[in-house]
Amino acid sequence: MKYSDEQRINKIYDYATRLQQYIVDKEITKEMLLTDYSLQWLVTTPLYNIGEHAYNLSQKYKAEHSEVPWAMISGLRHRLVHDYDGTNWNIIVEVVFEEIPALIAQIEQFYVKK
């Protein structure tokens, strides 16, 4: 299915906010994510989806919102998918606890969900 940039941003925002809310609701800590294999599996799916939609945004859209590190977001997805066994979970913990909230805030600055 071909999505518009607006639809992709909406999906990125939804996946990010749902992931963040799940982390908060379940009181998941950084230490838990570093050691619990089931939690690691749980967070990778939204990260895959966020990265896939970021990768497929138009070049024009990415340039208009260059403050967002689109290449890093899509690169993380590629790394998780193609080198899962080599995943550095310290980086993923940083992404989940630091970068996802920052991404949500960035999107909220330029995009109002419709």
N, C-alpha and C. Protein backbone atom coordinates (compact mmCIF):
# COMPACT_ATOMS: atom_id res chain seq x y z
N MET A 1 0.84 -1.18 0.00
CA MET A 1 0.00 0.00 0.00
C MET A 1 0.88 1.24 0.00
N LYS A 2 0.51 2.19 -0.80
CA LYS A 2 1.22 3.45 -0.89
C LYS A 2 0.59 4.45 0.08
N TYR A 3 1.39 4.93 1.00
CA TYR A 3 0.91 5.90 1.98
C TYR A 3 1.41 7.30 1.62
N SER A 4 0.63 8.29 1.97
CA SER A 4 1.09 9.67 1.82
C SER A 4 2.05 9.99 2.97
N ASP A 5 2.78 11.08 2.83
CA ASP A 5 3.67 11.50 3.92
C ASP A 5 2.87 11.75 5.18
N GLU A 6 1.71 12.36 5.04
CA GLU A 6 0.87 12.63 6.21
C GLU A 6 0.46 11.33 6.90
N GLN A 7 0.07 10.33 6.12
CA GLN A 7 -0.30 9.04 6.71
C GLN A 7 0.91 8.40 7.40
N ARG A 8 2.08 8.50 6.78
CA ARG A 8 3.28 7.92 7.38
C ARG A 8 3.64 8.61 8.70
N ILE A 9 3.55 9.92 8.73
CA ILE A 9 3.84 10.65 9.97
C ILE A 9 2.83 10.28 11.04
N ASN A 10 1.59 10.14 10.66
CA ASN A 10 0.56 9.73 11.60
C ASN A 10 0.90 8.35 12.18
N LYS A 11 1.33 7.43 11.33
CA LYS A 11 1.69 6.09 11.79
C LYS A 11 2.93 6.14 12.69
N ILE A 12 3.93 6.89 12.30
CA ILE A 12 5.14 7.03 13.12
C ILE A 12 4.76 7.56 14.50
N TYR A 13 3.94 8.59 14.51
CA TYR A 13 3.52 9.20 15.77
C TYR A 13 2.74 8.19 16.61
N ASP A 14 1.83 7.47 16.00
CA ASP A 14 1.03 6.48 16.74
C ASP A 14 1.91 5.38 17.32
N TYR A 15 2.81 4.82 16.52
CA TYR A 15 3.70 3.77 17.04
C TYR A 15 4.57 4.30 18.17
N ALA A 16 5.09 5.49 18.01
CA ALA A 16 5.98 6.06 19.03
C ALA A 16 5.23 6.33 20.33
N THR A 17 4.05 6.93 20.22
CA THR A 17 3.30 7.24 21.44
C THR A 17 2.79 5.97 22.12
N ARG A 18 2.38 4.99 21.35
CA ARG A 18 1.93 3.74 21.95
C ARG A 18 3.08 3.03 22.65
N LEU A 19 4.25 3.02 22.03
CA LEU A 19 5.42 2.40 22.66
C LEU A 19 5.76 3.13 23.96
N GLN A 20 5.80 4.43 23.90
CA GLN A 20 6.12 5.21 25.09
C GLN A 20 5.08 4.97 26.19
N GLN A 21 3.82 4.94 25.84
CA GLN A 21 2.78 4.73 26.84
C GLN A 21 2.88 3.33 27.46
N TYR A 22 3.21 2.34 26.65
CA TYR A 22 3.36 0.99 27.16
C TYR A 22 4.51 0.93 28.18
N ILE A 23 5.61 1.57 27.85
CA ILE A 23 6.77 1.61 28.75
C ILE A 23 6.36 2.23 30.09
N VAL A 24 5.62 3.31 30.03
CA VAL A 24 5.18 4.00 31.25
C VAL A 24 4.16 3.15 32.02
N ASP A 25 3.15 2.67 31.31
CA ASP A 25 2.08 1.91 31.98
C ASP A 25 2.58 0.65 32.66
N LYS A 26 3.53 -0.03 32.05
CA LYS A 26 4.06 -1.28 32.60
C LYS A 26 5.27 -1.06 33.50
N GLU A 27 5.62 0.22 33.68
CA GLU A 27 6.74 0.60 34.55
C GLU A 27 8.02 -0.14 34.16
N ILE A 28 8.27 -0.17 32.87
CA ILE A 28 9.47 -0.84 32.35
C ILE A 28 10.66 0.09 32.56
N THR A 29 11.71 -0.47 33.09
CA THR A 29 12.94 0.29 33.34
C THR A 29 13.98 -0.04 32.29
N LYS A 30 15.01 0.78 32.25
CA LYS A 30 16.13 0.51 31.34
C LYS A 30 16.73 -0.85 31.62
N GLU A 31 16.90 -1.17 32.89
CA GLU A 31 17.50 -2.44 33.29
C GLU A 31 16.64 -3.62 32.83
N MET A 32 15.33 -3.47 32.94
CA MET A 32 14.43 -4.54 32.48
C MET A 32 14.59 -4.76 30.98
N LEU A 33 14.66 -3.68 30.23
CA LEU A 33 14.78 -3.81 28.78
C LEU A 33 16.13 -4.41 28.38
N LEU A 34 17.15 -4.14 29.15
CA LEU A 34 18.47 -4.72 28.85
C LEU A 34 18.51 -6.22 29.08
N THR A 35 17.67 -6.73 29.95
CA THR A 35 17.80 -8.14 30.35
C THR A 35 16.63 -9.04 30.00
N ASP A 36 15.49 -8.48 29.68
CA ASP A 36 14.29 -9.28 29.44
C ASP A 36 14.07 -9.47 27.94
N TYR A 37 14.29 -10.67 27.49
CA TYR A 37 14.20 -11.00 26.06
C TYR A 37 12.81 -10.72 25.50
N SER A 38 11.76 -11.00 26.27
CA SER A 38 10.40 -10.76 25.76
C SER A 38 10.15 -9.26 25.58
N LEU A 39 10.68 -8.43 26.45
CA LEU A 39 10.54 -6.99 26.29
C LEU A 39 11.33 -6.50 25.07
N GLN A 40 12.48 -7.12 24.85
CA GLN A 40 13.27 -6.75 23.68
C GLN A 40 12.49 -7.04 22.40
N TRP A 41 11.86 -8.19 22.35
CA TRP A 41 11.02 -8.52 21.20
C TRP A 41 9.88 -7.52 21.08
N LEU A 42 9.30 -7.15 22.19
CA LEU A 42 8.16 -6.24 22.19
C LEU A 42 8.52 -4.87 21.61
N VAL A 43 9.65 -4.32 21.95
CA VAL A 43 9.98 -2.97 21.49
C VAL A 43 10.47 -2.95 20.05
N THR A 44 10.94 -4.08 19.54
CA THR A 44 11.47 -4.04 18.17
C THR A 44 10.38 -3.84 17.12
N THR A 45 9.21 -4.38 17.33
CA THR A 45 8.16 -4.24 16.31
C THR A 45 7.81 -2.77 16.07
N PRO A 46 7.52 -1.97 17.10
CA PRO A 46 7.24 -0.56 16.81
C PRO A 46 8.45 0.15 16.20
N LEU A 47 9.66 -0.22 16.63
CA LEU A 47 10.85 0.41 16.05
C LEU A 47 11.01 0.06 14.57
N TYR A 48 10.72 -1.19 14.21
CA TYR A 48 10.73 -1.59 12.80
C TYR A 48 9.77 -0.70 12.01
N ASN A 49 8.54 -0.60 12.52
CA ASN A 49 7.50 0.12 11.80
C ASN A 49 7.80 1.61 11.70
N ILE A 50 8.30 2.20 12.75
CA ILE A 50 8.69 3.61 12.72
C ILE A 50 9.77 3.80 11.66
N GLY A 51 10.77 2.94 11.68
CA GLY A 51 11.87 3.05 10.72
C GLY A 51 11.44 2.85 9.29
N GLU A 52 10.55 1.91 9.06
CA GLU A 52 10.06 1.64 7.70
C GLU A 52 9.29 2.84 7.16
N HIS A 53 8.43 3.43 7.97
CA HIS A 53 7.69 4.60 7.52
C HIS A 53 8.60 5.80 7.33
N ALA A 54 9.59 5.97 8.19
CA ALA A 54 10.55 7.07 8.04
C ALA A 54 11.33 6.91 6.74
N TYR A 55 11.75 5.69 6.44
CA TYR A 55 12.51 5.41 5.22
C TYR A 55 11.70 5.77 3.97
N ASN A 56 10.42 5.54 4.01
CA ASN A 56 9.58 5.74 2.84
C ASN A 56 8.93 7.12 2.73
N LEU A 57 9.26 8.02 3.65
CA LEU A 57 8.82 9.40 3.48
C LEU A 57 9.48 9.98 2.23
N SER A 58 8.81 10.91 1.60
CA SER A 58 9.40 11.53 0.42
C SER A 58 10.65 12.34 0.80
N GLN A 59 11.55 12.46 -0.16
CA GLN A 59 12.76 13.26 0.08
C GLN A 59 12.40 14.71 0.38
N LYS A 60 11.37 15.20 -0.28
CA LYS A 60 10.92 16.57 -0.04
C LYS A 60 10.48 16.75 1.41
N TYR A 61 9.70 15.82 1.91
CA TYR A 61 9.21 15.90 3.29
C TYR A 61 10.38 15.84 4.27
N LYS A 62 11.30 14.92 4.02
CA LYS A 62 12.46 14.80 4.91
C LYS A 62 13.28 16.09 4.93
N ALA A 63 13.42 16.72 3.76
CA ALA A 63 14.18 17.97 3.68
C ALA A 63 13.45 19.11 4.39
N GLU A 64 12.13 19.12 4.29
CA GLU A 64 11.34 20.16 4.96
C GLU A 64 11.40 20.02 6.48
N HIS A 65 11.67 18.82 6.96
CA HIS A 65 11.73 18.55 8.41
C HIS A 65 13.07 17.90 8.74
N SER A 66 14.12 18.58 8.32
CA SER A 66 15.46 18.03 8.46
C SER A 66 15.96 18.00 9.91
N GLU A 67 15.22 18.62 10.82
CA GLU A 67 15.59 18.57 12.23
C GLU A 67 15.41 17.17 12.81
N VAL A 68 14.63 16.35 12.13
CA VAL A 68 14.40 14.97 12.57
C VAL A 68 15.45 14.08 11.89
N PRO A 69 16.13 13.23 12.63
CA PRO A 69 17.18 12.38 12.04
C PRO A 69 16.60 11.17 11.29
N TRP A 70 15.95 11.44 10.15
CA TRP A 70 15.26 10.38 9.40
C TRP A 70 16.19 9.23 9.03
N ALA A 71 17.40 9.55 8.59
CA ALA A 71 18.33 8.50 8.16
C ALA A 71 18.72 7.60 9.34
N MET A 72 18.89 8.17 10.50
CA MET A 72 19.22 7.36 11.68
C MET A 72 18.03 6.48 12.08
N ILE A 73 16.83 7.01 11.96
CA ILE A 73 15.63 6.25 12.33
C ILE A 73 15.47 5.06 11.39
N SER A 74 15.58 5.31 10.11
CA SER A 74 15.43 4.20 9.16
C SER A 74 16.64 3.26 9.23
N GLY A 75 17.81 3.80 9.52
CA GLY A 75 19.00 2.96 9.66
C GLY A 75 18.88 2.00 10.83
N LEU A 76 18.27 2.45 11.91
CA LEU A 76 18.05 1.57 13.06
C LEU A 76 17.16 0.41 12.67
N ARG A 77 16.12 0.70 11.92
CA ARG A 77 15.23 -0.37 11.45
C ARG A 77 15.99 -1.40 10.64
N HIS A 78 16.80 -0.92 9.71
CA HIS A 78 17.57 -1.85 8.86
C HIS A 78 18.53 -2.69 9.70
N ARG A 79 19.12 -2.06 10.67
CA ARG A 79 20.07 -2.77 11.54
C ARG A 79 19.35 -3.84 12.37
N LEU A 80 18.21 -3.49 12.93
CA LEU A 80 17.44 -4.47 13.71
C LEU A 80 16.99 -5.65 12.87
N VAL A 81 16.53 -5.37 11.67
CA VAL A 81 16.00 -6.42 10.81
C VAL A 81 17.10 -7.32 10.27
N HIS A 82 18.21 -6.73 9.86
CA HIS A 82 19.24 -7.49 9.17
C HIS A 82 20.38 -7.97 10.05
N ASP A 83 20.46 -7.45 11.27
CA ASP A 83 21.54 -7.88 12.17
C ASP A 83 21.02 -7.99 13.59
N TYR A 84 19.86 -8.64 13.74
CA TYR A 84 19.21 -8.69 15.05
C TYR A 84 20.14 -9.27 16.12
N ASP A 85 20.86 -10.34 15.78
CA ASP A 85 21.74 -10.96 16.77
C ASP A 85 22.88 -10.04 17.19
N GLY A 86 23.17 -9.05 16.38
CA GLY A 86 24.24 -8.11 16.72
C GLY A 86 23.73 -6.84 17.37
N THR A 87 22.48 -6.83 17.80
CA THR A 87 21.88 -5.63 18.38
C THR A 87 22.57 -5.25 19.68
N ASN A 88 22.94 -3.99 19.76
CA ASN A 88 23.49 -3.44 20.99
C ASN A 88 22.30 -2.88 21.78
N TRP A 89 21.91 -3.61 22.80
CA TRP A 89 20.71 -3.22 23.55
C TRP A 89 20.89 -1.96 24.36
N ASN A 90 22.12 -1.57 24.63
CA ASN A 90 22.34 -0.28 25.29
C ASN A 90 21.88 0.86 24.38
N ILE A 91 22.10 0.71 23.08
CA ILE A 91 21.64 1.72 22.13
C ILE A 91 20.13 1.72 22.04
N ILE A 92 19.53 0.55 22.00
CA ILE A 92 18.06 0.45 21.92
C ILE A 92 17.42 1.06 23.16
N VAL A 93 18.00 0.81 24.31
CA VAL A 93 17.48 1.41 25.55
C VAL A 93 17.52 2.93 25.44
N GLU A 94 18.61 3.47 24.94
CA GLU A 94 18.71 4.92 24.76
C GLU A 94 17.64 5.41 23.78
N VAL A 95 17.45 4.67 22.70
CA VAL A 95 16.43 5.06 21.72
C VAL A 95 15.05 5.07 22.38
N VAL A 96 14.71 4.00 23.08
CA VAL A 96 13.37 3.88 23.67
C VAL A 96 13.13 4.94 24.75
N PHE A 97 14.11 5.17 25.59
CA PHE A 97 13.91 6.07 26.73
C PHE A 97 14.26 7.53 26.45
N GLU A 98 15.09 7.79 25.44
CA GLU A 98 15.51 9.17 25.17
C GLU A 98 15.04 9.66 23.80
N GLU A 99 15.26 8.87 22.78
CA GLU A 99 15.01 9.33 21.42
C GLU A 99 13.53 9.28 21.04
N ILE A 100 12.80 8.27 21.47
CA ILE A 100 11.37 8.20 21.14
C ILE A 100 10.62 9.40 21.73
N PRO A 101 10.81 9.74 23.01
CA PRO A 101 10.14 10.95 23.52
C PRO A 101 10.54 12.21 22.75
N ALA A 102 11.81 12.29 22.35
CA ALA A 102 12.26 13.45 21.58
C ALA A 102 11.60 13.47 20.20
N LEU A 103 11.47 12.31 19.57
CA LEU A 103 10.81 12.22 18.26
C LEU A 103 9.35 12.65 18.37
N ILE A 104 8.68 12.20 19.40
CA ILE A 104 7.28 12.59 19.62
C ILE A 104 7.18 14.11 19.73
N ALA A 105 8.05 14.70 20.51
CA ALA A 105 8.03 16.15 20.69
C ALA A 105 8.31 16.88 19.38
N GLN A 106 9.25 16.37 18.59
CA GLN A 106 9.56 16.99 17.30
C GLN A 106 8.34 16.94 16.38
N ILE A 107 7.73 15.78 16.29
CA ILE A 107 6.56 15.64 15.42
C ILE A 107 5.45 16.56 15.88
N GLU A 108 5.25 16.68 17.17
CA GLU A 108 4.19 17.54 17.69
C GLU A 108 4.45 19.01 17.35
N GLN A 109 5.71 19.38 17.15
CA GLN A 109 6.02 20.77 16.80
C GLN A 109 5.60 21.12 15.37
N PHE A 110 5.66 20.16 14.45
CA PHE A 110 5.34 20.49 13.08
C PHE A 110 4.12 19.78 12.53
N TYR A 111 3.55 18.91 13.29
CA TYR A 111 2.43 18.13 12.78
C TYR A 111 1.36 18.00 13.83
N VAL A 112 0.18 18.41 13.50
CA VAL A 112 -0.95 18.23 14.39
C VAL A 112 -1.75 17.07 13.84
N LYS A 113 -1.86 16.01 14.62
CA LYS A 113 -2.57 14.80 14.19
C LYS A 113 -4.02 15.12 13.85
N LYS A 114 -4.42 14.62 12.71
CA LYS A 114 -5.80 14.88 12.26
C LYS A 114 -6.65 13.66 12.42
